[in-house]
C-alpha atoms as a PDB file:
ATOM      1  CA  MET A   1      61.290   2.984   7.940  1.00  0.00           C
ATOM      2  CA  ALA A   2      58.474   1.612  10.148  1.00  0.00           C
ATOM      3  CA  LYS A   3      59.435   0.190  13.457  1.00  0.00           C
ATOM      4  CA  SER A   4      58.480  -3.492  13.879  1.00  0.00           C
ATOM      5  CA  ILE A   5      56.341  -4.519  16.816  1.00  0.00           C
ATOM      6  CA  THR A   6      56.021  -7.777  18.693  1.00  0.00           C
ATOM      7  CA  ARG A   7      52.895  -9.978  18.658  1.00  0.00           C
ATOM      8  CA  TYR A   8      52.354  -9.033  22.317  1.00  0.00           C
ATOM      9  CA  GLN A   9      52.477  -5.336  21.548  1.00  0.00           C
ATOM     10  CA  TYR A  10      50.022  -5.784  18.631  1.00  0.00           C
ATOM     11  CA  SER A  11      47.570  -7.729  20.839  1.00  0.00           C
ATOM     12  CA  THR A  12      47.793  -5.034  23.509  1.00  0.00           C
ATOM     13  CA  TYR A  13      47.127  -2.405  20.840  1.00  0.00           C
ATOM     14  CA  LEU A  14      43.969  -4.190  19.647  1.00  0.00           C
ATOM     15  CA  LEU A  15      42.677  -4.583  23.217  1.00  0.00           C
ATOM     16  CA  LEU A  16      43.245  -0.854  23.846  1.00  0.00           C
ATOM     17  CA  CYS A  17      41.346   0.062  20.674  1.00  0.00           C
ATOM     18  CA  PHE A  18      38.418  -2.082  21.766  1.00  0.00           C
ATOM     19  CA  ILE A  19      38.325  -0.465  25.232  1.00  0.00           C
ATOM     20  CA  LEU A  20      38.511   3.064  23.811  1.00  0.00           C
ATOM     21  CA  SER A  21      35.805   2.236  21.275  1.00  0.00           C
ATOM     22  CA  PHE A  22      33.503   0.804  23.946  1.00  0.00           C
ATOM     23  CA  PHE A  23      33.868   3.709  26.390  1.00  0.00           C
ATOM     24  CA  GLY A  24      33.785   6.284  23.611  1.00  0.00           C
ATOM     25  CA  CYS A  25      30.395   5.046  22.455  1.00  0.00           C
ATOM     26  CA  LYS A  26      28.640   4.150  25.653  1.00  0.00           C
ATOM     27  CA  ASP A  27      27.166   7.610  26.163  1.00  0.00           C
ATOM     28  CA  LYS A  28      25.989   7.988  22.588  1.00  0.00           C
ATOM     29  CA  LYS A  29      22.455   7.115  21.632  1.00  0.00           C
ATOM     30  CA  ILE A  30      22.593   4.369  19.030  1.00  0.00           C
ATOM     31  CA  VAL A  31      19.351   3.803  17.149  1.00  0.00           C
ATOM     32  CA  GLU A  32      19.033   0.631  15.098  1.00  0.00           C
ATOM     33  CA  ALA A  33      16.108  -0.869  13.332  1.00  0.00           C
ATOM     34  CA  PRO A  34      15.110  -4.342  14.521  1.00  0.00           C
ATOM     35  CA  THR A  35      17.157  -7.059  12.869  1.00  0.00           C
ATOM     36  CA  ASN A  36      14.181  -9.112  11.660  1.00  0.00           C
ATOM     37  CA  ARG A  37      13.320  -6.771   8.824  1.00  0.00           C
ATOM     38  CA  THR A  38      13.807  -7.617   5.162  1.00  0.00           C
ATOM     39  CA  THR A  39      17.358  -6.979   3.980  1.00  0.00           C
ATOM     40  CA  GLU A  40      18.534  -5.236   0.842  1.00  0.00           C
ATOM     41  CA  LYS A  41      19.607  -8.558  -0.570  1.00  0.00           C
ATOM     42  CA  SER A  42      16.070  -9.905  -0.540  1.00  0.00           C
ATOM     43  CA  GLN A  43      14.113  -9.878  -3.721  1.00  0.00           C
ATOM     44  CA  LYS A  44      11.875  -6.826  -3.822  1.00  0.00           C
ATOM     45  CA  VAL A  45       8.224  -6.665  -4.837  1.00  0.00           C
ATOM     46  CA  ASN A  46       7.775  -4.508  -7.930  1.00  0.00           C
ATOM     47  CA  LEU A  47       4.286  -2.991  -7.869  1.00  0.00           C
ATOM     48  CA  ILE A  48       1.901  -0.430  -9.239  1.00  0.00           C
ATOM     49  CA  PHE A  49      -0.224   1.079  -6.465  1.00  0.00           C
ATOM     50  CA  ASP A  50      -3.777   1.724  -7.715  1.00  0.00           C
ATOM     51  CA  THR A  51      -5.593   3.863  -5.161  1.00  0.00           C
ATOM     52  CA  ASP A  52      -8.469   6.241  -4.365  1.00  0.00           C
ATOM     53  CA  CYS A  53      -6.022   8.084  -2.181  1.00  0.00           C
ATOM     54  CA  ASN A  54      -8.271  10.846  -0.943  1.00  0.00           C
ATOM     55  CA  ASN A  55     -10.931   8.434   0.379  1.00  0.00           C
ATOM     56  CA  GLU A  56     -10.933   8.259   4.173  1.00  0.00           C
ATOM     57  CA  LEU A  57      -7.395   7.661   5.547  1.00  0.00           C
ATOM     58  CA  ASP A  58      -6.218   4.087   5.052  1.00  0.00           C
ATOM     59  CA  ASP A  59      -4.930   4.748   1.482  1.00  0.00           C
ATOM     60  CA  GLN A  60      -2.517   7.356   2.756  1.00  0.00           C
ATOM     61  CA  HIS A  61      -1.199   5.020   5.453  1.00  0.00           C
ATOM     62  CA  ALA A  62      -0.794   2.229   2.961  1.00  0.00           C
ATOM     63  CA  LEU A  63       1.244   4.495   0.670  1.00  0.00           C
ATOM     64  CA  ALA A  64       3.394   5.729   3.592  1.00  0.00           C
ATOM     65  CA  TYR A  65       4.010   2.107   4.610  1.00  0.00           C
ATOM     66  CA  LEU A  66       5.089   1.203   1.032  1.00  0.00           C
ATOM     67  CA  LEU A  67       7.419   4.200   0.819  1.00  0.00           C
ATOM     68  CA  SER A  68       8.929   3.412   4.253  1.00  0.00           C
ATOM     69  CA  ASN A  69       9.767  -0.139   3.128  1.00  0.00           C
ATOM     70  CA  GLY A  70      12.146   0.575   0.287  1.00  0.00           C
ATOM     71  CA  HIS A  71      14.018  -2.625   1.136  1.00  0.00           C
ATOM     72  CA  THR A  72      10.903  -4.598   0.327  1.00  0.00           C
ATOM     73  CA  PHE A  73       9.019  -2.676  -2.398  1.00  0.00           C
ATOM     74  CA  ASN A  74       9.881  -1.040  -5.681  1.00  0.00           C
ATOM     75  CA  ILE A  75       7.021   1.320  -6.512  1.00  0.00           C
ATOM     76  CA  ASN A  76       6.981   1.523 -10.286  1.00  0.00           C
ATOM     77  CA  GLY A  77       4.081   3.947 -10.316  1.00  0.00           C
ATOM     78  CA  ILE A  78       0.906   5.155  -8.624  1.00  0.00           C
ATOM     79  CA  THR A  79      -2.414   5.284 -10.436  1.00  0.00           C
ATOM     80  CA  VAL A  80      -5.426   6.938  -8.883  1.00  0.00           C
ATOM     81  CA  ASN A  81      -9.156   6.478  -9.323  1.00  0.00           C
ATOM     82  CA  ALA A  82     -12.152   8.350  -7.979  1.00  0.00           C
ATOM     83  CA  THR A  83     -14.699   6.864  -5.589  1.00  0.00           C
ATOM     84  CA  ARG A  84     -17.793   8.606  -4.380  1.00  0.00           C
ATOM     85  CA  LEU A  85     -16.501   9.819  -0.981  1.00  0.00           C
ATOM     86  CA  GLY A  86     -13.012  10.944  -1.996  1.00  0.00           C
ATOM     87  CA  GLY A  87     -13.833  13.678  -4.456  1.00  0.00           C
ATOM     88  CA  ASN A  88     -12.947  13.847  -8.149  1.00  0.00           C
ATOM     89  CA  ILE A  89      -9.810  12.524  -9.793  1.00  0.00           C
ATOM     90  CA  ASP A  90      -7.871  15.727  -9.153  1.00  0.00           C
ATOM     91  CA  GLU A  91      -8.504  15.494  -5.416  1.00  0.00           C
ATOM     92  CA  GLN A  92      -7.357  11.859  -5.448  1.00  0.00           C
ATOM     93  CA  TYR A  93      -4.226  12.858  -7.333  1.00  0.00           C
ATOM     94  CA  GLU A  94      -3.442  15.778  -5.006  1.00  0.00           C
ATOM     95  CA  GLU A  95      -3.619  13.642  -1.876  1.00  0.00           C
ATOM     96  CA  ALA A  96      -1.262  11.046  -3.301  1.00  0.00           C
ATOM     97  CA  GLU A  97       1.046  13.900  -4.284  1.00  0.00           C
ATOM     98  CA  ARG A  98       1.012  15.212  -0.700  1.00  0.00           C
ATOM     99  CA  ILE A  99       2.226  11.882   0.645  1.00  0.00           C
ATOM    100  CA  LEU A 100       4.979  11.719  -1.965  1.00  0.00           C
ATOM    101  CA  GLN A 101       6.075  15.228  -1.018  1.00  0.00           C
ATOM    102  CA  LEU A 102       6.286  14.262   2.656  1.00  0.00           C
ATOM    103  CA  TYR A 103       8.700  11.515   1.558  1.00  0.00           C
ATOM    104  CA  ASN A 104      10.652  13.898  -0.714  1.00  0.00           C
ATOM    105  CA  LEU A 105       9.544  11.819  -3.704  1.00  0.00           C
ATOM    106  CA  LYS A 106       7.246  14.201  -5.551  1.00  0.00           C
ATOM    107  CA  ASP A 107       7.995  13.955  -9.286  1.00  0.00           C
ATOM    108  CA  SER A 108      10.254  10.948  -8.579  1.00  0.00           C
ATOM    109  CA  ILE A 109       7.573   8.265  -8.880  1.00  0.00           C
ATOM    110  CA  PRO A 110       5.117   8.273 -11.830  1.00  0.00           C
ATOM    111  CA  LEU A 111       1.722   9.454 -10.607  1.00  0.00           C
ATOM    112  CA  LEU A 112      -1.145   9.163 -13.074  1.00  0.00           C
ATOM    113  CA  ARG A 113      -4.792  10.052 -13.140  1.00  0.00           C
ATOM    114  CA  GLY A 114      -7.116   7.125 -13.758  1.00  0.00           C
ATOM    115  CA  ALA A 115     -10.863   6.655 -13.988  1.00  0.00           C
ATOM    116  CA  ASN A 116     -13.326   9.195 -12.667  1.00  0.00           C
ATOM    117  CA  GLY A 117     -16.359   7.194 -13.779  1.00  0.00           C
ATOM    118  CA  ASN A 118     -17.253   3.518 -13.685  1.00  0.00           C
ATOM    119  CA  LEU A 119     -16.626   0.880 -16.322  1.00  0.00           C
ATOM    120  CA  ASN A 120     -20.020   1.061 -18.022  1.00  0.00           C
ATOM    121  CA  GLU A 121     -19.923   4.867 -18.289  1.00  0.00           C
ATOM    122  CA  ILE A 122     -16.478   4.812 -19.838  1.00  0.00           C
ATOM    123  CA  LEU A 123     -17.061   1.964 -22.255  1.00  0.00           C
ATOM    124  CA  SER A 124     -20.283   3.580 -23.486  1.00  0.00           C
ATOM    125  CA  LYS A 125     -18.139   6.401 -24.901  1.00  0.00           C
ATOM    126  CA  GLY A 126     -15.502   4.128 -26.391  1.00  0.00           C
ATOM    127  CA  LEU A 127     -11.813   3.619 -25.672  1.00  0.00           C
ATOM    128  CA  ASP A 128     -10.353   6.311 -27.875  1.00  0.00           C
ATOM    129  CA  ASP A 129      -7.069   8.111 -27.236  1.00  0.00           C
ATOM    130  CA  SER A 130      -8.518  10.324 -24.511  1.00  0.00           C
ATOM    131  CA  PHE A 131     -11.002   8.167 -22.607  1.00  0.00           C
ATOM    132  CA  ASP A 132     -11.564   8.629 -18.896  1.00  0.00           C
ATOM    133  CA  GLY A 133      -8.653   6.913 -17.183  1.00  0.00           C
ATOM    134  CA  GLN A 134      -6.495   6.602 -20.333  1.00  0.00           C
ATOM    135  CA  LYS A 135      -3.233   7.819 -18.783  1.00  0.00           C
ATOM    136  CA  ALA A 136      -3.345   5.305 -15.909  1.00  0.00           C
ATOM    137  CA  VAL A 137      -4.495   2.478 -18.176  1.00  0.00           C
ATOM    138  CA  ASP A 138      -1.726   3.048 -20.714  1.00  0.00           C
ATOM    139  CA  PHE A 139       0.839   3.223 -17.933  1.00  0.00           C
ATOM    140  CA  ILE A 140      -0.363  -0.095 -16.485  1.00  0.00           C
ATOM    141  CA  LEU A 141      -0.142  -1.740 -19.881  1.00  0.00           C
ATOM    142  CA  ASP A 142       3.262  -0.297 -20.751  1.00  0.00           C
ATOM    143  CA  GLU A 143       4.814  -0.954 -17.364  1.00  0.00           C
ATOM    144  CA  THR A 144       3.696  -4.574 -17.236  1.00  0.00           C
ATOM    145  CA  ARG A 145       5.193  -5.126 -20.689  1.00  0.00           C
ATOM    146  CA  ASN A 146       8.584  -3.883 -19.586  1.00  0.00           C
ATOM    147  CA  THR A 147       8.815  -5.009 -15.929  1.00  0.00           C
ATOM    148  CA  ASP A 148       7.877  -7.969 -13.784  1.00  0.00           C
ATOM    149  CA  VAL A 149       5.356  -6.004 -11.714  1.00  0.00           C
ATOM    150  CA  ILE A 150       2.142  -6.704  -9.830  1.00  0.00           C
ATOM    151  CA  ILE A 151      -0.818  -4.411  -9.188  1.00  0.00           C
ATOM    152  CA  LEU A 152      -1.815  -3.590  -5.613  1.00  0.00           C
ATOM    153  CA  ALA A 153      -5.332  -2.193  -5.965  1.00  0.00           C
ATOM    154  CA  VAL A 154      -7.055  -0.598  -2.979  1.00  0.00           C
ATOM    155  CA  GLY A 155     -10.005   1.162  -4.570  1.00  0.00           C
ATOM    156  CA  LYS A 156     -12.509   0.284  -7.258  1.00  0.00           C
ATOM    157  CA  LEU A 157     -11.214  -1.996 -10.043  1.00  0.00           C
ATOM    158  CA  THR A 158     -12.087   0.262 -12.954  1.00  0.00           C
ATOM    159  CA  ASN A 159      -8.505   1.015 -14.042  1.00  0.00           C
ATOM    160  CA  ILE A 160      -7.666  -2.701 -14.111  1.00  0.00           C
ATOM    161  CA  ALA A 161     -10.855  -3.646 -15.935  1.00  0.00           C
ATOM    162  CA  LEU A 162     -10.198  -0.980 -18.561  1.00  0.00           C
ATOM    163  CA  ALA A 163      -6.635  -2.196 -19.015  1.00  0.00           C
ATOM    164  CA  LEU A 164      -7.862  -5.752 -19.532  1.00  0.00           C
ATOM    165  CA  LYS A 165     -10.526  -4.527 -21.963  1.00  0.00           C
ATOM    166  CA  LYS A 166      -7.959  -2.634 -24.001  1.00  0.00           C
ATOM    167  CA  ASP A 167      -5.391  -5.459 -23.939  1.00  0.00           C
ATOM    168  CA  SER A 168      -6.433  -8.873 -22.655  1.00  0.00           C
ATOM    169  CA  THR A 169      -2.810 -10.078 -22.721  1.00  0.00           C
ATOM    170  CA  LEU A 170      -2.330  -8.078 -19.529  1.00  0.00           C
ATOM    171  CA  ALA A 171      -3.648 -11.174 -17.759  1.00  0.00           C
ATOM    172  CA  GLN A 172      -0.563 -13.118 -18.854  1.00  0.00           C
ATOM    173  CA  ARG A 173       2.046 -10.806 -17.389  1.00  0.00           C
ATOM    174  CA  THR A 174       0.878  -9.596 -13.951  1.00  0.00           C
ATOM    175  CA  LYS A 175      -1.428 -10.307 -11.021  1.00  0.00           C
ATOM    176  CA  VAL A 176      -3.813  -8.179  -9.025  1.00  0.00           C
ATOM    177  CA  VAL A 177      -3.945  -8.041  -5.227  1.00  0.00           C
ATOM    178  CA  TRP A 178      -7.165  -6.241  -4.362  1.00  0.00           C
ATOM    179  CA  LEU A 179      -8.410  -4.844  -1.059  1.00  0.00           C
ATOM    180  CA  GLY A 180     -12.177  -5.242  -1.246  1.00  0.00           C
ATOM    181  CA  SER A 181     -15.382  -7.213  -0.664  1.00  0.00           C
ATOM    182  CA  ASN A 182     -17.152  -8.770   2.281  1.00  0.00           C
ATOM    183  CA  TYR A 183     -17.124 -12.086   0.494  1.00  0.00           C
ATOM    184  CA  PRO A 184     -18.964 -14.392   1.048  1.00  0.00           C
ATOM    185  CA  GLU A 185     -21.405 -11.757   2.228  1.00  0.00           C
ATOM    186  CA  PRO A 186     -22.594  -8.835   0.020  1.00  0.00           C
ATOM    187  CA  GLY A 187     -21.577  -5.234   0.173  1.00  0.00           C
ATOM    188  CA  GLU A 188     -18.360  -3.273   0.686  1.00  0.00           C
ATOM    189  CA  TYR A 189     -17.252   0.167  -0.470  1.00  0.00           C
ATOM    190  CA  ASN A 190     -14.610  -0.643  -3.096  1.00  0.00           C
ATOM    191  CA  GLN A 191     -16.775  -3.362  -4.577  1.00  0.00           C
ATOM    192  CA  ASN A 192     -19.914  -1.232  -4.746  1.00  0.00           C
ATOM    193  CA  ASN A 193     -18.148   1.701  -6.427  1.00  0.00           C
ATOM    194  CA  ASP A 194     -17.864  -0.436  -9.604  1.00  0.00           C
ATOM    195  CA  THR A 195     -19.369  -3.905  -9.243  1.00  0.00           C
ATOM    196  CA  ILE A 196     -19.327  -4.430 -13.006  1.00  0.00           C
ATOM    197  CA  ALA A 197     -15.589  -3.802 -13.111  1.00  0.00           C
ATOM    198  CA  MET A 198     -15.073  -6.329 -10.302  1.00  0.00           C
ATOM    199  CA  ASN A 199     -17.100  -8.968 -12.134  1.00  0.00           C
ATOM    200  CA  TYR A 200     -15.202  -8.245 -15.320  1.00  0.00           C
ATOM    201  CA  VAL A 201     -11.891  -8.882 -13.539  1.00  0.00           C
ATOM    202  CA  LEU A 202     -13.278 -12.017 -11.843  1.00  0.00           C
ATOM    203  CA  ASN A 203     -14.293 -13.394 -15.255  1.00  0.00           C
ATOM    204  CA  SER A 204     -10.938 -12.618 -16.818  1.00  0.00           C
ATOM    205  CA  LYS A 205      -7.837 -14.829 -16.649  1.00  0.00           C
ATOM    206  CA  ILE A 206      -5.685 -12.456 -14.635  1.00  0.00           C
ATOM    207  CA  PRO A 207      -4.336 -13.965 -11.371  1.00  0.00           C
ATOM    208  CA  PHE A 208      -6.421 -12.360  -8.636  1.00  0.00           C
ATOM    209  CA  GLU A 209      -6.082 -12.192  -4.867  1.00  0.00           C
ATOM    210  CA  MET A 210      -8.923 -10.722  -2.799  1.00  0.00           C
ATOM    211  CA  VAL A 211      -7.946  -9.264   0.562  1.00  0.00           C
ATOM    212  CA  THR A 212     -11.293  -9.319   2.353  1.00  0.00           C
ATOM    213  CA  VAL A 213     -12.798  -6.434   4.329  1.00  0.00           C
ATOM    214  CA  ARG A 214     -15.777  -8.110   6.086  1.00  0.00           C
ATOM    215  CA  TYR A 215     -17.264  -5.243   8.056  1.00  0.00           C
ATOM    216  CA  GLY A 216     -17.805  -6.135  11.687  1.00  0.00           C
ATOM    217  CA  LYS A 217     -16.193  -9.569  11.363  1.00  0.00           C
ATOM    218  CA  PRO A 218     -12.958 -10.643  13.093  1.00  0.00           C
ATOM    219  CA  SER A 219     -11.740 -12.424   9.940  1.00  0.00           C
ATOM    220  CA  GLY A 220     -11.365  -9.389   7.616  1.00  0.00           C
ATOM    221  CA  THR A 221      -9.110  -6.322   7.416  1.00  0.00           C
ATOM    222  CA  ASP A 222     -11.919  -4.409   9.159  1.00  0.00           C
ATOM    223  CA  ALA A 223     -10.663  -6.028  12.375  1.00  0.00           C
ATOM    224  CA  VAL A 224      -7.265  -4.319  12.108  1.00  0.00           C
ATOM    225  CA  LYS A 225      -8.421  -1.196  13.935  1.00  0.00           C
ATOM    226  CA  VAL A 226      -6.608   1.637  15.671  1.00  0.00           C
ATOM    227  CA  SER A 227      -7.912   4.330  18.011  1.00  0.00           C
ATOM    228  CA  PRO A 228      -7.160   8.046  17.771  1.00  0.00           C
ATOM    229  CA  GLU A 229      -5.493   7.785  21.189  1.00  0.00           C
ATOM    230  CA  GLU A 230      -3.106   5.112  19.832  1.00  0.00           C
ATOM    231  CA  ILE A 231      -2.311   7.249  16.787  1.00  0.00           C
ATOM    232  CA  ASN A 232      -1.721  10.318  18.982  1.00  0.00           C
ATOM    233  CA  GLN A 233       0.682   8.294  21.099  1.00  0.00           C
ATOM    234  CA  ARG A 234       2.581   6.359  18.421  1.00  0.00           C
ATOM    235  CA  MET A 235       2.680   8.598  15.343  1.00  0.00           C
ATOM    236  CA  PRO A 236       4.097  12.049  16.279  1.00  0.00           C
ATOM    237  CA  GLY A 237       7.147  12.859  14.180  1.00  0.00           C
ATOM    238  CA  LEU A 238       7.359   9.522  12.401  1.00  0.00           C
ATOM    239  CA  GLY A 239       8.611   9.282   8.856  1.00  0.00           C
ATOM    240  CA  PRO A 240      11.292  11.302   7.088  1.00  0.00           C
ATOM    241  CA  ILE A 241      11.474  15.090   7.302  1.00  0.00           C
ATOM    242  CA  ALA A 242      10.128  16.745   4.153  1.00  0.00           C
ATOM    243  CA  LYS A 243      12.351  19.347   2.550  1.00  0.00           C
ATOM    244  CA  ASN A 244       9.184  21.125   1.483  1.00  0.00           C
ATOM    245  CA  GLY A 245       6.206  20.706   3.761  1.00  0.00           C
ATOM    246  CA  ILE A 246       2.604  20.356   2.723  1.00  0.00           C
ATOM    247  CA  ILE A 247      -0.727  21.923   3.530  1.00  0.00           C
ATOM    248  CA  GLY A 248      -2.955  19.030   4.593  1.00  0.00           C
ATOM    249  CA  ARG A 249      -6.312  18.325   3.070  1.00  0.00           C
ATOM    250  CA  HIS A 250      -7.930  19.668   6.253  1.00  0.00           C
ATOM    251  CA  GLY A 251      -5.487  22.579   6.487  1.00  0.00           C
ATOM    252  CA  GLY A 252      -2.416  22.843   8.653  1.00  0.00           C
ATOM    253  CA  ASN A 253       1.280  22.593   7.728  1.00  0.00           C
ATOM    254  CA  PHE A 254       3.162  19.304   7.958  1.00  0.00           C
ATOM    255  CA  THR A 255       6.737  18.169   7.402  1.00  0.00           C
ATOM    256  CA  ASN A 256       6.386  14.447   8.262  1.00  0.00           C
ATOM    257  CA  PHE A 257       3.745  11.809   7.731  1.00  0.00           C
ATOM    258  CA  GLY A 258       3.321  10.985  11.420  1.00  0.00           C
ATOM    259  CA  ASP A 259       1.956  14.418  12.223  1.00  0.00           C
ATOM    260  CA  TYR A 260      -0.194  14.402   9.110  1.00  0.00           C
ATOM    261  CA  SER A 261      -1.617  11.032  10.232  1.00  0.00           C
ATOM    262  CA  ILE A 262      -2.758  12.614  13.484  1.00  0.00           C
ATOM    263  CA  SER A 263      -4.571  15.320  11.512  1.00  0.00           C
ATOM    264  CA  LEU A 264      -6.263  12.721   9.284  1.00  0.00           C
ATOM    265  CA  PHE A 265      -7.527  10.849  12.360  1.00  0.00           C
ATOM    266  CA  LYS A 266      -8.621  14.112  14.006  1.00  0.00           C
ATOM    267  CA  HIS A 267     -10.874  15.005  11.065  1.00  0.00           C
ATOM    268  CA  ILE A 268     -12.276  11.570  10.188  1.00  0.00           C
ATOM    269  CA  GLU A 269     -15.806  10.434  11.057  1.00  0.00           C
ATOM    270  CA  TYR A 270     -16.113   7.578  13.568  1.00  0.00           C
ATOM    271  CA  HIS A 271     -18.853   4.989  13.589  1.00  0.00           C
ATOM    272  CA  THR A 272     -17.867   2.883  16.626  1.00  0.00           C
ATOM    273  CA  ASP A 273     -17.867   3.318  20.366  1.00  0.00           C
ATOM    274  CA  PRO A 274     -15.124   3.655  21.489  1.00  0.00           C
ATOM    275  CA  PRO A 275     -13.925   5.428  18.303  1.00  0.00           C
ATOM    276  CA  THR A 276     -11.660   3.380  16.044  1.00  0.00           C
ATOM    277  CA  ARG A 277     -10.774   3.259  12.351  1.00  0.00           C
ATOM    278  CA  SER A 278      -9.716   0.273  10.273  1.00  0.00           C
ATOM    279  CA  MET A 279      -6.430   0.215   8.362  1.00  0.00           C
ATOM    280  CA  PHE A 280      -7.829  -1.823   5.428  1.00  0.00           C
ATOM    281  CA  ASP A 281      -5.473  -0.830   2.612  1.00  0.00           C
ATOM    282  CA  MET A 282      -2.316  -0.930   4.724  1.00  0.00           C
ATOM    283  CA  VAL A 283      -3.068  -4.560   5.594  1.00  0.00           C
ATOM    284  CA  ALA A 284      -3.114  -5.480   1.938  1.00  0.00           C
ATOM    285  CA  ALA A 285       0.349  -3.990   1.575  1.00  0.00           C
ATOM    286  CA  ALA A 286       1.596  -5.749   4.703  1.00  0.00           C
ATOM    287  CA  ILE A 287       0.765  -9.274   3.493  1.00  0.00           C
ATOM    288  CA  LEU A 288       2.830  -8.575   0.386  1.00  0.00           C
ATOM    289  CA  LYS A 289       5.737  -8.024   2.762  1.00  0.00           C
ATOM    290  CA  ASN A 290       4.983 -11.091   4.910  1.00  0.00           C
ATOM    291  CA  LYS A 291       2.365 -13.590   3.824  1.00  0.00           C
ATOM    292  CA  ASN A 292       2.350 -15.133   7.288  1.00  0.00           C
ATOM    293  CA  TRP A 293       0.443 -12.107   8.613  1.00  0.00           C
ATOM    294  CA  GLY A 294      -2.728 -13.490   7.033  1.00  0.00           C
ATOM    295  CA  GLU A 295      -4.289 -16.756   5.884  1.00  0.00           C
ATOM    296  CA  SER A 296      -5.032 -17.551   2.259  1.00  0.00           C
ATOM    297  CA  LYS A 297      -7.056 -20.134   0.413  1.00  0.00           C
ATOM    298  CA  THR A 298      -7.871 -20.819  -3.228  1.00  0.00           C
ATOM    299  CA  ILE A 299     -11.446 -21.071  -4.443  1.00  0.00           C
ATOM    300  CA  PRO A 300     -13.275 -21.250  -7.805  1.00  0.00           C
ATOM    301  CA  ALA A 301     -14.001 -17.655  -8.768  1.00  0.00           C
ATOM    302  CA  PRO A 302     -17.510 -16.632  -7.742  1.00  0.00           C
ATOM    303  CA  ILE A 303     -19.586 -13.856  -9.321  1.00  0.00           C
ATOM    304  CA  LEU A 304     -21.766 -11.151  -7.770  1.00  0.00           C
ATOM    305  CA  ILE A 305     -25.331 -11.102  -9.160  1.00  0.00           C
ATOM    306  CA  ASN A 306     -27.950  -8.739  -7.762  1.00  0.00           C
ATOM    307  CA  ASN A 307     -25.699  -8.029  -4.759  1.00  0.00           C
ATOM    308  CA  LYS A 308     -25.456 -11.754  -3.903  1.00  0.00           C
ATOM    309  CA  TRP A 309     -22.435 -13.932  -4.325  1.00  0.00           C
ATOM    310  CA  LEU A 310     -23.037 -16.859  -6.647  1.00  0.00           C
ATOM    311  CA  GLU A 311     -20.605 -19.743  -6.082  1.00  0.00           C
ATOM    312  CA  ARG A 312     -19.356 -21.508  -9.187  1.00  0.00           C
ATOM    313  CA  PRO A 313     -17.789 -24.733  -7.909  1.00  0.00           C
ATOM    314  CA  GLU A 314     -17.213 -26.064 -11.454  1.00  0.00           C
ATOM    315  CA  ASN A 315     -15.376 -22.907 -12.497  1.00  0.00           C
ATOM    316  CA  SER A 316     -11.808 -23.752 -13.539  1.00  0.00           C
ATOM    317  CA  ARG A 317     -10.814 -20.096 -12.983  1.00  0.00           C
ATOM    318  CA  GLU A 318      -9.550 -19.837  -9.367  1.00  0.00           C
ATOM    319  CA  ILE A 319      -8.796 -16.875  -7.148  1.00  0.00           C
ATOM    320  CA  THR A 320      -7.069 -16.451  -3.767  1.00  0.00           C
ATOM    321  CA  ILE A 321      -8.960 -15.243  -0.709  1.00  0.00           C
ATOM    322  CA  TRP A 322      -7.079 -13.577   2.210  1.00  0.00           C
ATOM    323  CA  GLU A 323      -8.521 -13.519   5.712  1.00  0.00           C
ATOM    324  CA  ASN A 324      -7.653 -13.811   9.445  1.00  0.00           C
ATOM    325  CA  PHE A 325      -4.993 -11.119   9.706  1.00  0.00           C
ATOM    326  CA  ASP A 326      -2.561 -10.786  12.630  1.00  0.00           C
ATOM    327  CA  LYS A 327      -3.401  -7.298  13.828  1.00  0.00           C
ATOM    328  CA  THR A 328      -0.602  -7.115  16.410  1.00  0.00           C
ATOM    329  CA  LEU A 329       2.220  -8.048  13.997  1.00  0.00           C
ATOM    330  CA  VAL A 330       0.844  -5.933  11.166  1.00  0.00           C
ATOM    331  CA  MET A 331       0.478  -2.808  13.287  1.00  0.00           C
ATOM    332  CA  GLU A 332       3.833  -3.182  15.057  1.00  0.00           C
ATOM    333  CA  ASP A 333       5.513  -3.502  11.693  1.00  0.00           C
ATOM    334  CA  PHE A 334       3.701  -0.412  10.478  1.00  0.00           C
ATOM    335  CA  TYR A 335       4.936   1.672  13.406  1.00  0.00           C
ATOM    336  CA  THR A 336       8.430   0.215  13.178  1.00  0.00           C
ATOM    337  CA  SER A 337       8.596   0.922   9.472  1.00  0.00           C
ATOM    338  CA  LEU A 338       7.770   4.585   9.985  1.00  0.00           C
ATOM    339  CA  GLN A 339      10.060   4.898  13.004  1.00  0.00           C
ATOM    340  CA  TYR A 340      13.005   3.435  11.093  1.00  0.00           C
ATOM    341  CA  PRO A 341      12.047   4.172   7.480  1.00  0.00           C
ATOM    342  CA  ASN A 342      14.080   2.607   4.684  1.00  0.00           C
ATOM    343  CA  ILE A 343      13.006   5.180   2.092  1.00  0.00           C
ATOM    344  CA  PHE A 344      12.107   3.949  -1.326  1.00  0.00           C
ATOM    345  CA  LYS A 345      14.660   5.113  -3.879  1.00  0.00           C
ATOM    346  CA  SER A 346      13.134   5.915  -7.256  1.00  0.00           C
ATOM    347  CA  LYS A 347      14.812   4.837 -10.462  1.00  0.00           C
ATOM    348  CA  PRO A 348      17.327   7.403 -11.836  1.00  0.00           C
END
């Protein structure tokens, strides 16, 4: 039979437990993520990540950021495309696979090869059962039929244009957030890799948000720059520890994304003095997490003709333009996300 205790004895017992708990923990290192991050209870963003992952280094950082924010994003699948500086579709696929392996998610998230060529080249051969990009296109169409999912596109728009060409009802069940264009000025890498695909998407009915690049301008994602010195200081060891390491695309063995990031920055070409690189694609992912890290406006959809933007003020089809990004908040969240990763959990 338990011995009864008085209220005074019970109060003394609770006080003693508190004191022991406090002094027992004071010498331990307690690491907590900042409390202002999205919670598990928040509604997640379901997305397909469409990427030329082996091009430069911002694609890899965007993917690592998405994978580190499992409390914010559900990654339903990754589709790759090939642009002129990133090698063929197999090289794009292999780089995306490396990042997944660093997060212990290889074979856990659907990864599909998309278009090697551009829209005109592919359409000239017909959309049969084995056209260039077919696996990625079919995945996009099937996934958007079954899930409320958006497409975050950070390369050329060929896969999306092909999907719309094959099934125009795609426009009724998803939206595209695209990193690309110097709008309202001409040029930009993603845009120029398949201008016809971009115009096709602009002329479609699919909801479309353009996250501007604007080379050399403070208003575009080009302004969100980091130096190799900053990366060397902030990135070592960040991200989860891979059970099976990777050999990087420039050689070397890596078991976490932070160290691989340093290698990517070490081997990239710099065009500024002092040397910096822009984190274009990662910014597009960041504004999906917090829309207050950029400014948006709605405009009638323009069209690009002979490398010049033609405004169409009477066009009833409208798109969203993103600009003026908060570099400090975006980059701090990137580093915090990799320091305290909430790893994406794939569907069973």
